[in-house]
All heavy atoms as atom14 arrays in JSON, in Angstrom:
{
  "sequence": "ATITSGGTTNFADSVKGRFTISRDNAKNTVYLQMNTLKPEDT",
  "atom14_mask": [
    [1, 1, 1, 1, 1, 0, 0, 0, 0, 0, 0, 0, 0, 0],
    [1, 1, 1, 1, 1, 1, 1, 0, 0, 0, 0, 0, 0, 0],
    [1, 1, 1, 1, 1, 1, 1, 1, 0, 0, 0, 0, 0, 0],
    [1, 1, 1, 1, 1, 1, 1, 0, 0, 0, 0, 0, 0, 0],
    [1, 1, 1, 1, 1, 1, 0, 0, 0, 0, 0, 0, 0, 0],
    [1, 1, 1, 1, 0, 0, 0, 0, 0, 0, 0, 0, 0, 0],
    [1, 1, 1, 1, 0, 0, 0, 0, 0, 0, 0, 0, 0, 0],
    [1, 1, 1, 1, 1, 1, 1, 0, 0, 0, 0, 0, 0, 0],
    [1, 1, 1, 1, 1, 1, 1, 0, 0, 0, 0, 0, 0, 0],
    [1, 1, 1, 1, 1, 1, 1, 1, 0, 0, 0, 0, 0, 0],
    [1, 1, 1, 1, 1, 1, 1, 1, 1, 1, 1, 0, 0, 0],
    [1, 1, 1, 1, 1, 0, 0, 0, 0, 0, 0, 0, 0, 0],
    [1, 1, 1, 1, 1, 1, 1, 1, 0, 0, 0, 0, 0, 0],
    [1, 1, 1, 1, 1, 1, 0, 0, 0, 0, 0, 0, 0, 0],
    [1, 1, 1, 1, 1, 1, 1, 0, 0, 0, 0, 0, 0, 0],
    [1, 1, 1, 1, 1, 1, 1, 1, 1, 0, 0, 0, 0, 0],
    [1, 1, 1, 1, 0, 0, 0, 0, 0, 0, 0, 0, 0, 0],
    [1, 1, 1, 1, 1, 1, 1, 1, 1, 1, 1, 0, 0, 0],
    [1, 1, 1, 1, 1, 1, 1, 1, 1, 1, 1, 0, 0, 0],
    [1, 1, 1, 1, 1, 1, 1, 0, 0, 0, 0, 0, 0, 0],
    [1, 1, 1, 1, 1, 1, 1, 1, 0, 0, 0, 0, 0, 0],
    [1, 1, 1, 1, 1, 1, 0, 0, 0, 0, 0, 0, 0, 0],
    [1, 1, 1, 1, 1, 1, 1, 1, 1, 1, 1, 0, 0, 0],
    [1, 1, 1, 1, 1, 1, 1, 1, 0, 0, 0, 0, 0, 0],
    [1, 1, 1, 1, 1, 1, 1, 1, 0, 0, 0, 0, 0, 0],
    [1, 1, 1, 1, 1, 0, 0, 0, 0, 0, 0, 0, 0, 0],
    [1, 1, 1, 1, 1, 1, 1, 1, 1, 0, 0, 0, 0, 0],
    [1, 1, 1, 1, 1, 1, 1, 1, 0, 0, 0, 0, 0, 0],
    [1, 1, 1, 1, 1, 1, 1, 0, 0, 0, 0, 0, 0, 0],
    [1, 1, 1, 1, 1, 1, 1, 0, 0, 0, 0, 0, 0, 0],
    [1, 1, 1, 1, 1, 1, 1, 1, 1, 1, 1, 1, 0, 0],
    [1, 1, 1, 1, 1, 1, 1, 1, 0, 0, 0, 0, 0, 0],
    [1, 1, 1, 1, 1, 1, 1, 1, 1, 0, 0, 0, 0, 0],
    [1, 1, 1, 1, 1, 1, 1, 1, 0, 0, 0, 0, 0, 0],
    [1, 1, 1, 1, 1, 1, 1, 1, 0, 0, 0, 0, 0, 0],
    [1, 1, 1, 1, 1, 1, 1, 0, 0, 0, 0, 0, 0, 0],
    [1, 1, 1, 1, 1, 1, 1, 1, 0, 0, 0, 0, 0, 0],
    [1, 1, 1, 1, 1, 1, 1, 1, 1, 0, 0, 0, 0, 0],
    [1, 1, 1, 1, 1, 1, 1, 0, 0, 0, 0, 0, 0, 0],
    [1, 1, 1, 1, 1, 1, 1, 1, 1, 0, 0, 0, 0, 0],
    [1, 1, 1, 1, 1, 1, 1, 1, 0, 0, 0, 0, 0, 0],
    [1, 1, 1, 1, 1, 1, 1, 0, 0, 0, 0, 0, 0, 0]
  ],
  "atom14_positions": [
    [[2.12, -2.93, -4.07], [2.87, -2.23, -3.08], [3.47, -3.14, -2.05], [2.87, -4.22, -1.7], [2.02, -1.17, -2.37], [0.0, 0.0, 0.0], [0.0, 0.0, 0.0], [0.0, 0.0, 0.0], [0.0, 0.0, 0.0], [0.0, 0.0, 0.0], [0.0, 0.0, 0.0], [0.0, 0.0, 0.0], [0.0, 0.0, 0.0], [0.0, 0.0, 0.0]],
    [[4.64, -2.87, -1.51], [5.26, -3.58, -0.4], [5.75, -2.61, 0.62], [5.98, -1.5, 0.44], [6.36, -4.49, -0.9], [7.4, -3.67, -1.5], [5.95, -5.52, -1.93], [0.0, 0.0, 0.0], [0.0, 0.0, 0.0], [0.0, 0.0, 0.0], [0.0, 0.0, 0.0], [0.0, 0.0, 0.0], [0.0, 0.0, 0.0], [0.0, 0.0, 0.0]],
    [[5.92, -3.23, 1.81], [6.48, -2.45, 2.95], [7.31, -3.41, 3.83], [6.87, -4.56, 4.06], [5.35, -1.8, 3.77], [5.95, -0.93, 4.85], [4.38, -2.76, 4.31], [4.93, 0.04, 5.51], [0.0, 0.0, 0.0], [0.0, 0.0, 0.0], [0.0, 0.0, 0.0], [0.0, 0.0, 0.0], [0.0, 0.0, 0.0], [0.0, 0.0, 0.0]],
    [[8.43, -2.96, 4.24], [9.31, -3.71, 5.15], [8.89, -3.46, 6.62], [8.14, -2.52, 6.91], [10.77, -3.44, 4.96], [11.01, -2.07, 5.44], [11.14, -3.5, 3.51], [0.0, 0.0, 0.0], [0.0, 0.0, 0.0], [0.0, 0.0, 0.0], [0.0, 0.0, 0.0], [0.0, 0.0, 0.0], [0.0, 0.0, 0.0], [0.0, 0.0, 0.0]],
    [[9.44, -4.29, 7.51], [9.16, -4.05, 8.91], [9.69, -2.76, 9.39], [9.23, -2.17, 10.39], [9.7, -5.2, 9.75], [11.1, -5.32, 9.52], [0.0, 0.0, 0.0], [0.0, 0.0, 0.0], [0.0, 0.0, 0.0], [0.0, 0.0, 0.0], [0.0, 0.0, 0.0], [0.0, 0.0, 0.0], [0.0, 0.0, 0.0], [0.0, 0.0, 0.0]],
    [[10.67, -2.22, 8.74], [11.26, -0.88, 9.04], [10.55, 0.29, 8.41], [10.86, 1.46, 8.64], [0.0, 0.0, 0.0], [0.0, 0.0, 0.0], [0.0, 0.0, 0.0], [0.0, 0.0, 0.0], [0.0, 0.0, 0.0], [0.0, 0.0, 0.0], [0.0, 0.0, 0.0], [0.0, 0.0, 0.0], [0.0, 0.0, 0.0], [0.0, 0.0, 0.0]],
    [[9.55, -0.04, 7.54], [8.74, 1.01, 7.02], [9.06, 1.46, 5.6], [8.52, 2.38, 5.06], [0.0, 0.0, 0.0], [0.0, 0.0, 0.0], [0.0, 0.0, 0.0], [0.0, 0.0, 0.0], [0.0, 0.0, 0.0], [0.0, 0.0, 0.0], [0.0, 0.0, 0.0], [0.0, 0.0, 0.0], [0.0, 0.0, 0.0], [0.0, 0.0, 0.0]],
    [[10.04, 0.81, 4.96], [10.41, 1.18, 3.55], [9.35, 0.62, 2.68], [9.0, -0.56, 2.67], [11.8, 0.49, 3.2], [12.76, 1.05, 4.07], [12.14, 0.9, 1.76], [0.0, 0.0, 0.0], [0.0, 0.0, 0.0], [0.0, 0.0, 0.0], [0.0, 0.0, 0.0], [0.0, 0.0, 0.0], [0.0, 0.0, 0.0], [0.0, 0.0, 0.0]],
    [[8.84, 1.54, 1.74], [7.75, 1.16, 0.86], [8.16, 1.15, -0.62], [9.18, 1.79, -0.99], [6.56, 2.12, 0.99], [7.02, 3.43, 0.76], [6.03, 2.09, 2.4], [0.0, 0.0, 0.0], [0.0, 0.0, 0.0], [0.0, 0.0, 0.0], [0.0, 0.0, 0.0], [0.0, 0.0, 0.0], [0.0, 0.0, 0.0], [0.0, 0.0, 0.0]],
    [[7.41, 0.41, -1.4], [7.65, 0.37, -2.86], [6.26, 0.28, -3.51], [5.44, -0.52, -3.03], [8.52, -0.87, -3.18], [8.81, -0.87, -4.68], [9.03, 0.13, -5.3], [8.84, -2.11, -5.22], [0.0, 0.0, 0.0], [0.0, 0.0, 0.0], [0.0, 0.0, 0.0], [0.0, 0.0, 0.0], [0.0, 0.0, 0.0], [0.0, 0.0, 0.0]],
    [[6.06, 1.09, -4.5], [4.72, 1.12, -5.22], [4.91, 0.89, -6.67], [5.86, 1.39, -7.29], [4.03, 2.44, -4.97], [3.62, 2.7, -3.58], [4.46, 3.36, -2.64], [2.35, 2.31, -3.1], [4.03, 3.57, -1.36], [1.91, 2.49, -1.8], [2.76, 3.12, -0.92], [0.0, 0.0, 0.0], [0.0, 0.0, 0.0], [0.0, 0.0, 0.0]],
    [[3.93, 0.26, -7.29], [3.76, 0.3, -8.72], [3.48, 1.68, -9.21], [2.78, 2.46, -8.52], [2.68, -0.62, -9.17], [0.0, 0.0, 0.0], [0.0, 0.0, 0.0], [0.0, 0.0, 0.0], [0.0, 0.0, 0.0], [0.0, 0.0, 0.0], [0.0, 0.0, 0.0], [0.0, 0.0, 0.0], [0.0, 0.0, 0.0], [0.0, 0.0, 0.0]],
    [[4.05, 2.08, -10.35], [3.77, 3.45, -10.88], [2.3, 3.69, -11.05], [1.82, 4.8, -10.83], [4.48, 3.59, -12.23], [5.99, 3.69, -12.07], [6.47, 4.03, -10.94], [6.73, 3.56, -13.04], [0.0, 0.0, 0.0], [0.0, 0.0, 0.0], [0.0, 0.0, 0.0], [0.0, 0.0, 0.0], [0.0, 0.0, 0.0], [0.0, 0.0, 0.0]],
    [[1.53, 2.7, -11.38], [0.08, 2.86, -11.68], [-0.72, 3.22, -10.45], [-1.9, 3.72, -10.58], [-0.47, 1.57, -12.32], [-0.28, 0.51, -11.41], [0.0, 0.0, 0.0], [0.0, 0.0, 0.0], [0.0, 0.0, 0.0], [0.0, 0.0, 0.0], [0.0, 0.0, 0.0], [0.0, 0.0, 0.0], [0.0, 0.0, 0.0], [0.0, 0.0, 0.0]],
    [[-0.17, 3.05, -9.23], [-0.95, 3.31, -8.04], [-0.37, 4.43, -7.23], [-0.96, 4.89, -6.21], [-1.11, 2.06, -7.19], [-1.69, 0.89, -7.97], [0.18, 1.65, -6.47], [0.0, 0.0, 0.0], [0.0, 0.0, 0.0], [0.0, 0.0, 0.0], [0.0, 0.0, 0.0], [0.0, 0.0, 0.0], [0.0, 0.0, 0.0], [0.0, 0.0, 0.0]],
    [[0.83, 4.95, -7.56], [1.42, 5.97, -6.79], [0.53, 7.23, -6.75], [-0.11, 7.59, -7.71], [2.77, 6.39, -7.41], [3.89, 5.37, -7.18], [5.21, 5.78, -7.87], [6.31, 4.79, -7.64], [7.56, 5.16, -8.33], [0.0, 0.0, 0.0], [0.0, 0.0, 0.0], [0.0, 0.0, 0.0], [0.0, 0.0, 0.0], [0.0, 0.0, 0.0]],
    [[0.43, 7.73, -5.53], [-0.4, 8.92, -5.27], [-1.89, 8.51, -5.01], [-2.64, 9.4, -4.62], [0.0, 0.0, 0.0], [0.0, 0.0, 0.0], [0.0, 0.0, 0.0], [0.0, 0.0, 0.0], [0.0, 0.0, 0.0], [0.0, 0.0, 0.0], [0.0, 0.0, 0.0], [0.0, 0.0, 0.0], [0.0, 0.0, 0.0], [0.0, 0.0, 0.0]],
    [[-2.18, 7.32, -5.23], [-3.61, 6.87, -4.97], [-3.66, 5.84, -3.81], [-4.63, 5.84, -3.07], [-4.26, 6.32, -6.2], [-4.3, 7.28, -7.44], [-5.13, 6.72, -8.52], [-4.57, 5.45, -9.07], [-5.2, 4.3, -9.14], [-6.41, 4.18, -8.68], [-4.59, 3.2, -9.7], [0.0, 0.0, 0.0], [0.0, 0.0, 0.0], [0.0, 0.0, 0.0]],
    [[-2.71, 4.99, -3.77], [-2.71, 3.91, -2.72], [-1.66, 4.25, -1.72], [-0.57, 4.75, -2.03], [-2.39, 2.59, -3.41], [-3.42, 1.99, -4.33], [-4.51, 2.74, -4.77], [-3.29, 0.73, -4.82], [-5.46, 2.22, -5.61], [-4.24, 0.16, -5.63], [-5.32, 0.92, -6.07], [0.0, 0.0, 0.0], [0.0, 0.0, 0.0], [0.0, 0.0, 0.0]],
    [[-1.93, 3.83, -0.48], [-0.92, 3.89, 0.54], [-0.87, 2.55, 1.25], [-1.85, 1.81, 1.27], [-1.23, 4.97, 1.62], [-2.49, 4.75, 2.18], [-1.22, 6.35, 0.98], [0.0, 0.0, 0.0], [0.0, 0.0, 0.0], [0.0, 0.0, 0.0], [0.0, 0.0, 0.0], [0.0, 0.0, 0.0], [0.0, 0.0, 0.0], [0.0, 0.0, 0.0]],
    [[0.35, 2.21, 1.73], [0.49, 0.89, 2.45], [1.06, 1.26, 3.83], [1.94, 2.13, 3.98], [1.41, -0.04, 1.66], [1.4, -1.45, 2.28], [2.84, 0.49, 1.49], [2.03, -2.51, 1.39], [0.0, 0.0, 0.0], [0.0, 0.0, 0.0], [0.0, 0.0, 0.0], [0.0, 0.0, 0.0], [0.0, 0.0, 0.0], [0.0, 0.0, 0.0]],
    [[0.61, 0.53, 4.82], [1.07, 0.64, 6.17], [1.03, -0.7, 6.88], [0.47, -1.65, 6.34], [0.23, 1.68, 6.96], [-1.12, 1.23, 7.0], [0.0, 0.0, 0.0], [0.0, 0.0, 0.0], [0.0, 0.0, 0.0], [0.0, 0.0, 0.0], [0.0, 0.0, 0.0], [0.0, 0.0, 0.0], [0.0, 0.0, 0.0], [0.0, 0.0, 0.0]],
    [[1.69, -0.8, 7.97], [1.65, -2.01, 8.77], [1.71, -1.78, 10.24], [2.23, -0.74, 10.71], [2.79, -2.98, 8.31], [4.15, -2.5, 8.6], [5.18, -3.42, 7.95], [5.29, -4.74, 8.6], [5.96, -5.75, 8.12], [6.58, -5.63, 6.98], [6.06, -6.86, 8.84], [0.0, 0.0, 0.0], [0.0, 0.0, 0.0], [0.0, 0.0, 0.0]],
    [[1.16, -2.77, 10.96], [1.19, -2.72, 12.39], [2.06, -3.93, 12.75], [1.59, -5.07, 12.74], [-0.23, -2.8, 13.01], [-0.23, -2.74, 14.48], [0.76, -3.13, 15.07], [-1.28, -2.38, 15.04], [0.0, 0.0, 0.0], [0.0, 0.0, 0.0], [0.0, 0.0, 0.0], [0.0, 0.0, 0.0], [0.0, 0.0, 0.0], [0.0, 0.0, 0.0]],
    [[3.27, -3.71, 13.16], [4.22, -4.83, 13.39], [3.82, -5.62, 14.67], [4.01, -6.79, 14.67], [5.61, -4.26, 13.54], [6.21, -3.83, 12.27], [5.88, -4.25, 11.2], [7.13, -2.87, 12.36], [0.0, 0.0, 0.0], [0.0, 0.0, 0.0], [0.0, 0.0, 0.0], [0.0, 0.0, 0.0], [0.0, 0.0, 0.0], [0.0, 0.0, 0.0]],
    [[3.15, -4.97, 15.58], [2.72, -5.67, 16.78], [1.56, -6.7, 16.44], [1.46, -7.71, 17.14], [2.2, -4.69, 17.8], [0.0, 0.0, 0.0], [0.0, 0.0, 0.0], [0.0, 0.0, 0.0], [0.0, 0.0, 0.0], [0.0, 0.0, 0.0], [0.0, 0.0, 0.0], [0.0, 0.0, 0.0], [0.0, 0.0, 0.0], [0.0, 0.0, 0.0]],
    [[0.85, -6.38, 15.37], [-0.21, -7.32, 14.96], [0.14, -8.12, 13.75], [-0.71, -8.88, 13.31], [-1.57, -6.54, 14.64], [-2.06, -5.77, 15.9], [-3.34, -5.01, 15.52], [-3.91, -4.25, 16.69], [-5.15, -3.55, 16.36], [0.0, 0.0, 0.0], [0.0, 0.0, 0.0], [0.0, 0.0, 0.0], [0.0, 0.0, 0.0], [0.0, 0.0, 0.0]],
    [[1.33, -7.95, 13.23], [1.75, -8.67, 11.97], [0.75, -8.42, 10.87], [0.45, -9.37, 10.12], [1.95, -10.13, 12.27], [2.98, -10.44, 13.32], [4.01, -9.73, 13.35], [2.78, -11.46, 14.11], [0.0, 0.0, 0.0], [0.0, 0.0, 0.0], [0.0, 0.0, 0.0], [0.0, 0.0, 0.0], [0.0, 0.0, 0.0], [0.0, 0.0, 0.0]],
    [[0.27, -7.19, 10.75], [-0.77, -6.92, 9.8], [-0.4, -5.76, 8.87], [0.21, -4.78, 9.38], [-2.12, -6.54, 10.54], [-2.47, -7.59, 11.37], [-3.23, -6.17, 9.58], [0.0, 0.0, 0.0], [0.0, 0.0, 0.0], [0.0, 0.0, 0.0], [0.0, 0.0, 0.0], [0.0, 0.0, 0.0], [0.0, 0.0, 0.0], [0.0, 0.0, 0.0]],
    [[-0.73, -5.95, 7.61], [-0.43, -4.94, 6.58], [-1.77, -4.36, 6.06], [-2.72, -5.2, 5.91], [0.49, -5.46, 5.48], [-0.13, -6.58, 4.71], [0.91, -4.3, 4.57], [0.0, 0.0, 0.0], [0.0, 0.0, 0.0], [0.0, 0.0, 0.0], [0.0, 0.0, 0.0], [0.0, 0.0, 0.0], [0.0, 0.0, 0.0], [0.0, 0.0, 0.0]],
    [[-1.8, -3.16, 5.77], [-3.01, -2.52, 5.26], [-2.69, -1.84, 3.89], [-1.63, -1.2, 3.71], [-3.53, -1.45, 6.24], [-3.74, -1.96, 7.59], [-2.77, -1.82, 8.57], [-4.89, -2.64, 7.92], [-2.93, -2.27, 9.86], [-5.11, -3.14, 9.25], [-4.1, -2.95, 10.21], [-4.27, -3.4, 11.42], [0.0, 0.0, 0.0], [0.0, 0.0, 0.0]],
    [[-3.65, -1.94, 2.99], [-3.55, -1.22, 1.72], [-4.74, -0.32, 1.6], [-5.88, -0.83, 1.42], [-3.48, -2.2, 0.51], [-3.32, -1.57, -0.81], [-1.9, -0.95, -0.95], [-3.56, -2.55, -1.98], [0.0, 0.0, 0.0], [0.0, 0.0, 0.0], [0.0, 0.0, 0.0], [0.0, 0.0, 0.0], [0.0, 0.0, 0.0], [0.0, 0.0, 0.0]],
    [[-4.54, 1.0, 1.66], [-5.59, 1.98, 1.47], [-5.56, 2.38, 0.07], [-4.6, 2.9, -0.47], [-5.41, 3.17, 2.39], [-6.45, 4.23, 2.25], [-7.78, 3.84, 2.69], [-7.92, 3.21, 3.77], [-8.83, 4.17, 1.91], [0.0, 0.0, 0.0], [0.0, 0.0, 0.0], [0.0, 0.0, 0.0], [0.0, 0.0, 0.0], [0.0, 0.0, 0.0]],
    [[-6.76, 2.05, -0.59], [-6.83, 2.37, -2.01], [-7.91, 3.5, -2.23], [-9.07, 3.33, -1.89], [-7.31, 1.1, -2.76], [-6.39, -0.1, -2.57], [-6.85, -1.52, -3.48], [-8.37, -1.99, -2.72], [0.0, 0.0, 0.0], [0.0, 0.0, 0.0], [0.0, 0.0, 0.0], [0.0, 0.0, 0.0], [0.0, 0.0, 0.0], [0.0, 0.0, 0.0]],
    [[-7.41, 4.61, -2.72], [-8.32, 5.73, -3.02], [-8.32, 6.05, -4.49], [-7.49, 5.59, -5.26], [-7.73, 6.99, -2.29], [-7.72, 6.8, -0.77], [-8.55, 6.14, -0.22], [-6.72, 7.41, -0.15], [0.0, 0.0, 0.0], [0.0, 0.0, 0.0], [0.0, 0.0, 0.0], [0.0, 0.0, 0.0], [0.0, 0.0, 0.0], [0.0, 0.0, 0.0]],
    [[-9.32, 6.83, -4.89], [-9.53, 7.22, -6.27], [-9.45, 5.95, -7.2], [-8.71, 5.98, -8.19], [-8.53, 8.26, -6.67], [-8.28, 9.25, -5.62], [-8.94, 9.01, -7.9], [0.0, 0.0, 0.0], [0.0, 0.0, 0.0], [0.0, 0.0, 0.0], [0.0, 0.0, 0.0], [0.0, 0.0, 0.0], [0.0, 0.0, 0.0], [0.0, 0.0, 0.0]],
    [[-10.14, 4.97, -6.82], [-10.12, 3.74, -7.56], [-10.64, 3.88, -9.01], [-11.59, 4.63, -9.24], [-10.84, 2.65, -6.84], [-10.13, 2.07, -5.61], [-11.07, 1.38, -4.67], [-9.08, 1.11, -6.17], [0.0, 0.0, 0.0], [0.0, 0.0, 0.0], [0.0, 0.0, 0.0], [0.0, 0.0, 0.0], [0.0, 0.0, 0.0], [0.0, 0.0, 0.0]],
    [[-10.01, 3.17, -9.93], [-10.35, 3.17, -11.29], [-10.82, 1.78, -11.76], [-10.43, 0.76, -11.12], [-9.13, 3.55, -12.12], [-8.51, 4.96, -11.76], [-7.22, 5.17, -12.56], [-6.57, 6.45, -12.17], [-5.36, 6.71, -12.91], [0.0, 0.0, 0.0], [0.0, 0.0, 0.0], [0.0, 0.0, 0.0], [0.0, 0.0, 0.0], [0.0, 0.0, 0.0]],
    [[-11.59, 1.68, -12.81], [-11.95, 0.36, -13.29], [-10.76, -0.52, -13.59], [-10.86, -1.71, -13.33], [-12.75, 0.72, -14.61], [-13.28, 2.06, -14.33], [-12.27, 2.77, -13.6], [0.0, 0.0, 0.0], [0.0, 0.0, 0.0], [0.0, 0.0, 0.0], [0.0, 0.0, 0.0], [0.0, 0.0, 0.0], [0.0, 0.0, 0.0], [0.0, 0.0, 0.0]],
    [[-9.68, 0.03, -14.02], [-8.47, -0.84, -14.3], [-7.78, -1.33, -13.0], [-6.88, -2.16, -13.12], [-7.45, -0.02, -15.12], [-7.09, 1.34, -14.6], [-7.91, 2.43, -15.24], [-9.13, 2.24, -15.46], [-7.33, 3.47, -15.6], [0.0, 0.0, 0.0], [0.0, 0.0, 0.0], [0.0, 0.0, 0.0], [0.0, 0.0, 0.0], [0.0, 0.0, 0.0]],
    [[-8.27, -0.93, -11.83], [-7.82, -1.52, -10.59], [-8.51, -2.78, -10.25], [-8.11, -3.48, -9.3], [-8.02, -0.53, -9.48], [-7.11, 0.75, -9.57], [-5.94, 0.62, -9.97], [-7.68, 1.8, -9.31], [0.0, 0.0, 0.0], [0.0, 0.0, 0.0], [0.0, 0.0, 0.0], [0.0, 0.0, 0.0], [0.0, 0.0, 0.0], [0.0, 0.0, 0.0]],
    [[-9.52, -3.12, -11.05], [-10.23, -4.35, -10.79], [-9.34, -5.57, -11.02], [-8.64, -5.68, -12.0], [-11.43, -4.47, -11.79], [-12.36, -3.44, -11.56], [-12.13, -5.81, -11.69], [0.0, 0.0, 0.0], [0.0, 0.0, 0.0], [0.0, 0.0, 0.0], [0.0, 0.0, 0.0], [0.0, 0.0, 0.0], [0.0, 0.0, 0.0], [0.0, 0.0, 0.0]]
  ]
}
């Protein structure tokens, strides 16, 4: 997954609906929240 400073996101099909991406521009930090993890996410 990727996210621009303006908030535009892009996800791999395999993670859509399970992963979310966000960022804090003030901290120059990006977060990847991964839910419903599967063994193939290893």
